Amino acid sequence: MNGSTWRTLSNICFVGGFISIAGSIAIWLLTKEPDAAYGERFGIFVGLWAPTFFALSSRLEQYATAKTIGG
């Protein structure tokens, strides 16, 4: 794969991190019935994906830069 493909994957992961945060908040707000605790736990679970997506985005961006510079 070339540098632009890695950069595209990096951008997808970056956006995925923000979607995870928004999804976590939405799940927490919308899942109140019949068990509010389930909505809280599931919202936290989805929210924990964000750091992973951001870390992947950073690593893929570094790899894309290396591939672009190094060939």
C-alpha atoms as a PDB file:
ATOM      1  CA  MET A   1       0.000   0.000   0.000  1.00  0.00           C
ATOM      2  CA  ASN A   2       1.144   3.512  -0.679  1.00  0.00           C
ATOM      3  CA  GLY A   3       1.248   6.536   1.639  1.00  0.00           C
ATOM      4  CA  SER A   4      -2.108   7.937   0.550  1.00  0.00           C
ATOM      5  CA  THR A   5      -3.883   4.685   1.424  1.00  0.00           C
ATOM      6  CA  TRP A   6      -2.367   4.737   4.923  1.00  0.00           C
ATOM      7  CA  ARG A   7      -3.329   8.400   5.281  1.00  0.00           C
ATOM      8  CA  THR A   8      -6.932   7.595   4.288  1.00  0.00           C
ATOM      9  CA  LEU A   9      -7.066   4.839   6.892  1.00  0.00           C
ATOM     10  CA  SER A  10      -5.662   7.290   9.432  1.00  0.00           C
ATOM     11  CA  ASN A  11      -8.423   9.784   8.627  1.00  0.00           C
ATOM     12  CA  ILE A  12     -11.084   7.085   8.915  1.00  0.00           C
ATOM     13  CA  CYS A  13      -9.797   6.105  12.361  1.00  0.00           C
ATOM     14  CA  PHE A  14      -9.683   9.755  13.438  1.00  0.00           C
ATOM     15  CA  VAL A  15     -13.311  10.296  12.434  1.00  0.00           C
ATOM     16  CA  GLY A  16     -14.202   6.964  14.052  1.00  0.00           C
ATOM     17  CA  GLY A  17     -12.871   8.259  17.366  1.00  0.00           C
ATOM     18  CA  PHE A  18     -15.212  11.240  17.285  1.00  0.00           C
ATOM     19  CA  ILE A  19     -18.129   9.053  16.179  1.00  0.00           C
ATOM     20  CA  SER A  20     -17.391   6.789  19.137  1.00  0.00           C
ATOM     21  CA  ILE A  21     -17.580   9.742  21.519  1.00  0.00           C
ATOM     22  CA  ALA A  22     -20.837  10.991  19.996  1.00  0.00           C
ATOM     23  CA  GLY A  23     -22.265   7.473  19.947  1.00  0.00           C
ATOM     24  CA  SER A  24     -21.362   6.956  23.573  1.00  0.00           C
ATOM     25  CA  ILE A  25     -23.176  10.120  24.609  1.00  0.00           C
ATOM     26  CA  ALA A  26     -26.188   9.243  22.449  1.00  0.00           C
ATOM     27  CA  ILE A  27     -26.387   5.727  23.874  1.00  0.00           C
ATOM     28  CA  TRP A  28     -26.134   7.063  27.403  1.00  0.00           C
ATOM     29  CA  LEU A  29     -28.875   9.631  26.807  1.00  0.00           C
ATOM     30  CA  LEU A  30     -31.266   7.459  24.781  1.00  0.00           C
ATOM     31  CA  THR A  31     -31.024   4.086  26.548  1.00  0.00           C
ATOM     32  CA  LYS A  32     -32.880   4.710  29.792  1.00  0.00           C
ATOM     33  CA  GLU A  33     -35.646   2.136  29.637  1.00  0.00           C
ATOM     34  CA  PRO A  34     -36.116  -0.503  30.966  1.00  0.00           C
ATOM     35  CA  ASP A  35     -32.664  -0.598  32.607  1.00  0.00           C
ATOM     36  CA  ALA A  36     -30.741   2.670  32.876  1.00  0.00           C
ATOM     37  CA  ALA A  37     -27.628   0.884  34.147  1.00  0.00           C
ATOM     38  CA  TYR A  38     -27.391  -1.061  30.885  1.00  0.00           C
ATOM     39  CA  GLY A  39     -27.368   2.179  28.891  1.00  0.00           C
ATOM     40  CA  GLU A  40     -24.650   3.603  31.101  1.00  0.00           C
ATOM     41  CA  ARG A  41     -22.470   0.502  30.801  1.00  0.00           C
ATOM     42  CA  PHE A  42     -22.948   0.220  27.048  1.00  0.00           C
ATOM     43  CA  GLY A  43     -22.234   3.945  26.617  1.00  0.00           C
ATOM     44  CA  ILE A  44     -18.986   3.575  28.568  1.00  0.00           C
ATOM     45  CA  PHE A  45     -18.070   0.516  26.494  1.00  0.00           C
ATOM     46  CA  VAL A  46     -18.519   2.412  23.226  1.00  0.00           C
ATOM     47  CA  GLY A  47     -16.723   5.449  24.657  1.00  0.00           C
ATOM     48  CA  LEU A  48     -13.668   3.332  25.391  1.00  0.00           C
ATOM     49  CA  TRP A  49     -13.184   2.780  21.652  1.00  0.00           C
ATOM     50  CA  ALA A  50     -12.233   6.431  21.102  1.00  0.00           C
ATOM     51  CA  PRO A  51      -8.673   6.258  22.490  1.00  0.00           C
ATOM     52  CA  THR A  52      -8.017   3.163  20.396  1.00  0.00           C
ATOM     53  CA  PHE A  53      -9.198   4.887  17.224  1.00  0.00           C
ATOM     54  CA  PHE A  54      -7.105   7.977  17.986  1.00  0.00           C
ATOM     55  CA  ALA A  55      -4.004   5.885  18.710  1.00  0.00           C
ATOM     56  CA  LEU A  56      -4.491   3.945  15.476  1.00  0.00           C
ATOM     57  CA  SER A  57      -4.955   7.189  13.590  1.00  0.00           C
ATOM     58  CA  SER A  58      -1.704   8.571  14.948  1.00  0.00           C
ATOM     59  CA  ARG A  59       0.237   5.405  14.184  1.00  0.00           C
ATOM     60  CA  LEU A  60      -1.155   5.130  10.656  1.00  0.00           C
ATOM     61  CA  GLU A  61      -0.315   8.793  10.007  1.00  0.00           C
ATOM     62  CA  GLN A  62       3.278   8.166  11.098  1.00  0.00           C
ATOM     63  CA  TYR A  63       3.429   5.126   8.832  1.00  0.00           C
ATOM     64  CA  ALA A  64       1.987   7.119   5.909  1.00  0.00           C
ATOM     65  CA  THR A  65       4.592   9.829   6.412  1.00  0.00           C
ATOM     66  CA  ALA A  66       7.379   7.260   6.508  1.00  0.00           C
ATOM     67  CA  LYS A  67       6.075   5.586   3.341  1.00  0.00           C
ATOM     68  CA  THR A  68       5.810   8.927   1.546  1.00  0.00           C
ATOM     69  CA  ILE A  69       9.288  10.083   2.536  1.00  0.00           C
ATOM     70  CA  GLY A  70      11.044   6.725   2.362  1.00  0.00           C
ATOM     71  CA  GLY A  71       9.255   5.432  -0.663  1.00  0.00           C
END
